[in-house]
Protein backbone atom coordinates (compact mmCIF):
# COMPACT_ATOMS: atom_id res chain seq x y z
CA MET A 1 -30.95 5.19 34.74
CA ILE A 2 -29.93 1.69 35.89
CA TRP A 3 -32.67 1.94 38.54
CA PHE A 4 -35.27 1.74 35.76
CA LEU A 5 -33.77 -1.55 34.54
CA PHE A 6 -33.69 -2.99 38.07
CA ALA A 7 -37.24 -1.81 38.80
CA SER A 8 -38.49 -3.40 35.56
CA ILE A 9 -36.71 -6.68 36.28
CA THR A 10 -38.15 -6.71 39.81
CA ALA A 11 -41.68 -6.09 38.52
CA CYS A 12 -41.37 -8.90 35.96
CA CYS A 13 -39.99 -11.32 38.55
CA GLU A 14 -42.78 -10.47 41.01
CA ALA A 15 -45.42 -11.03 38.33
CA LEU A 16 -43.84 -14.35 37.37
CA LYS A 17 -43.69 -15.35 41.05
CA ASP A 18 -47.39 -14.67 41.48
CA LEU A 19 -48.32 -16.52 38.29
CA THR A 20 -46.12 -19.46 39.20
CA SER A 21 -47.59 -19.53 42.71
CA LYS A 22 -51.15 -19.54 41.39
CA GLN A 23 -50.39 -22.40 38.98
CA SER A 24 -48.43 -24.39 41.55
CA LEU A 25 -51.10 -24.02 44.22
CA LYS A 26 -53.56 -25.92 42.02
CA THR A 27 -51.64 -29.16 42.61
CA VAL A 28 -49.16 -28.50 45.45
CA ASP A 29 -49.63 -27.59 49.11
CA GLU A 30 -48.96 -23.94 49.97
CA TYR A 31 -46.21 -24.87 52.44
CA VAL A 32 -44.26 -26.58 49.65
CA VAL A 33 -44.69 -23.53 47.41
CA ILE A 34 -43.49 -21.19 50.16
CA TRP A 35 -40.51 -23.41 50.93
CA ALA A 36 -39.61 -23.70 47.24
CA PHE A 37 -39.64 -19.93 46.65
CA THR A 38 -37.61 -19.32 49.77
CA ALA A 39 -35.09 -22.03 48.91
CA VAL A 40 -34.65 -20.82 45.33
CA GLY A 41 -34.14 -17.27 46.58
CA ALA A 42 -31.56 -18.37 49.14
CA ILE A 43 -29.70 -20.56 46.66
CA ALA A 44 -29.57 -17.70 44.17
CA LEU A 45 -28.63 -14.94 46.60
CA VAL A 46 -26.16 -16.55 49.03
CA PRO A 47 -23.41 -16.87 46.38
CA VAL A 48 -23.99 -13.24 45.36
CA LEU A 49 -23.65 -12.18 49.00
CA LEU A 50 -20.45 -14.15 49.48
CA LEU A 51 -18.90 -12.94 46.23
CA THR A 52 -19.76 -9.26 46.59
CA THR A 53 -19.63 -8.20 50.23
CA GLY A 54 -18.77 -11.30 52.22
CA ILE A 55 -20.45 -12.13 55.49
CA PRO A 56 -21.25 -8.90 57.34
CA SER A 57 -20.60 -8.41 61.04
CA PHE A 58 -23.58 -8.89 63.32
CA GLY A 59 -24.67 -6.43 66.00
CA PRO A 60 -25.58 -7.43 69.56
CA ARG A 61 -29.34 -7.73 68.86
CA TYR A 62 -29.07 -9.31 65.43
CA GLY A 63 -30.60 -12.63 66.54
CA GLU A 64 -33.66 -10.92 68.01
CA ALA A 65 -34.14 -8.90 64.83
CA VAL A 66 -33.88 -12.01 62.65
CA LEU A 67 -36.34 -13.95 64.81
CA LEU A 68 -38.90 -11.14 64.93
CA GLY A 69 -38.54 -10.00 61.32
CA GLY A 70 -38.31 -13.54 60.01
CA SER A 71 -41.39 -14.65 61.92
CA LEU A 72 -43.44 -11.71 60.67
CA ASN A 73 -42.28 -12.31 57.09
CA ILE A 74 -43.12 -16.02 57.29
CA ILE A 75 -46.63 -15.21 58.48
CA ALA A 76 -47.08 -12.51 55.83
CA PHE A 77 -45.84 -14.77 53.01
CA TRP A 78 -48.07 -17.61 54.22
CA LEU A 79 -51.14 -15.35 54.32
CA TYR A 80 -50.28 -13.91 50.91
CA THR A 81 -49.92 -17.39 49.43
CA ARG A 82 -53.25 -18.45 50.95
CA ALA A 83 -54.88 -15.35 49.47
CA ILE A 84 -53.46 -16.16 46.03
CA LYS A 85 -54.71 -19.72 46.37
CA SER A 86 -58.26 -18.79 47.36
CA SER A 87 -58.89 -15.76 45.16
CA ASP A 88 -58.25 -14.36 41.70
CA LEU A 89 -54.87 -12.78 41.09
CA SER A 90 -56.68 -9.71 39.77
CA LEU A 91 -58.13 -9.14 43.26
CA THR A 92 -55.19 -10.26 45.38
CA VAL A 93 -52.15 -8.69 43.73
CA PRO A 94 -53.45 -5.08 43.57
CA LEU A 95 -53.77 -5.14 47.36
CA VAL A 96 -49.98 -5.32 47.52
CA THR A 97 -49.88 -1.81 46.06
CA LEU A 98 -51.38 -0.62 49.35
CA THR A 99 -48.13 -1.49 51.16
CA PRO A 100 -46.69 2.03 50.73
CA LEU A 101 -49.87 3.44 52.28
CA PHE A 102 -49.25 1.38 55.42
CA MET A 103 -45.61 2.46 55.39
CA LEU A 104 -46.71 6.11 55.50
CA VAL A 105 -48.37 5.32 58.84
CA THR A 106 -45.99 2.78 60.35
CA SER A 107 -42.61 4.32 59.44
CA PRO A 108 -43.08 7.40 61.63
CA LEU A 109 -44.25 5.20 64.50
CA ILE A 110 -41.51 2.58 64.30
CA VAL A 111 -38.38 4.33 63.03
CA GLN A 112 -39.39 8.01 63.19
CA GLU A 113 -38.99 8.27 59.40
CA TYR A 114 -41.37 10.88 58.03
CA PRO A 115 -42.43 11.03 54.38
CA THR A 116 -41.77 14.02 52.18
CA TRP A 117 -44.43 15.56 49.97
CA GLY A 118 -42.92 13.66 47.05
CA ASP A 119 -43.30 10.39 48.95
CA ALA A 120 -46.96 11.10 49.69
CA VAL A 121 -47.67 12.04 46.06
CA GLY A 122 -45.95 8.84 44.89
CA VAL A 123 -48.03 6.71 47.24
CA LEU A 124 -51.22 8.43 46.09
CA LEU A 125 -50.26 7.82 42.46
CA LEU A 126 -49.68 4.12 43.18
CA ILE A 127 -53.01 3.75 44.92
CA GLY A 128 -54.80 5.77 42.27
CA GLY A 129 -53.26 3.66 39.51
CA SER A 130 -54.31 0.45 41.20
CA TYR A 131 -57.83 1.82 41.61
CA VAL A 132 -58.08 2.93 37.96
CA LEU A 133 -56.81 -0.43 36.70
CA ASN A 134 -59.61 -2.18 38.58
CA LEU A 135 -62.33 0.30 37.64
CA GLN A 136 -64.52 -0.79 34.77
CA THR A 137 -66.73 2.20 34.01
CA ASN A 138 -68.04 0.87 30.70
CA SER A 139 -69.76 -2.06 32.44
CA GLY A 140 -72.11 0.23 34.38
CA GLN A 141 -70.36 -0.28 37.71
CA SER A 142 -70.18 2.45 40.31
CA VAL A 143 -66.98 4.21 41.27
CA TRP A 144 -66.96 2.08 44.45
CA ALA A 145 -66.83 -1.22 42.50
CA PRO A 146 -63.09 -1.87 43.08
CA PHE A 147 -63.66 -1.61 46.84
CA LYS A 148 -66.85 -3.68 46.75
CA ALA A 149 -65.01 -6.44 44.84
CA ILE A 150 -62.93 -7.11 47.95
CA ALA A 151 -65.92 -7.58 50.28
CA PRO A 152 -67.41 -10.86 48.93
CA THR A 153 -64.01 -12.50 48.78
CA PRO A 154 -63.76 -15.12 51.56
CA ALA A 155 -61.40 -14.37 54.40
CA VAL A 156 -58.18 -16.36 54.50
CA ALA A 157 -57.23 -17.71 57.90
């Protein structure tokens, strides 16, 4: 049952991160915000790493993996921060719930990891929940309104 506590703490921290980012981006450059979040995370987690497991051994292709994965994560975090800056949180953050949908497609291609029926149902529940949260049927909108809300939002590049 400890997983429920950790999942709840993670959800609260992610929501606070997004709110803090949105507020900070009103007065501070996005590169400073990205650097600050990364630095705070590193400062908080490096002592935990050293106290719990120590420095792990590195494989022969560790450097390549860090460069590739790190570069992709930097680009993704930069684009996400730009999206938060230019759009409402209510439009930007629910798009993150689509990540498991992409994982259903990319995991079999990259690491030959295939989802179970339970995985697929869980992903569909996440996407359905995000859709329902953004659906406002009492305002006379169509069932396609959550999808149409994404279209007029300016592209971030």
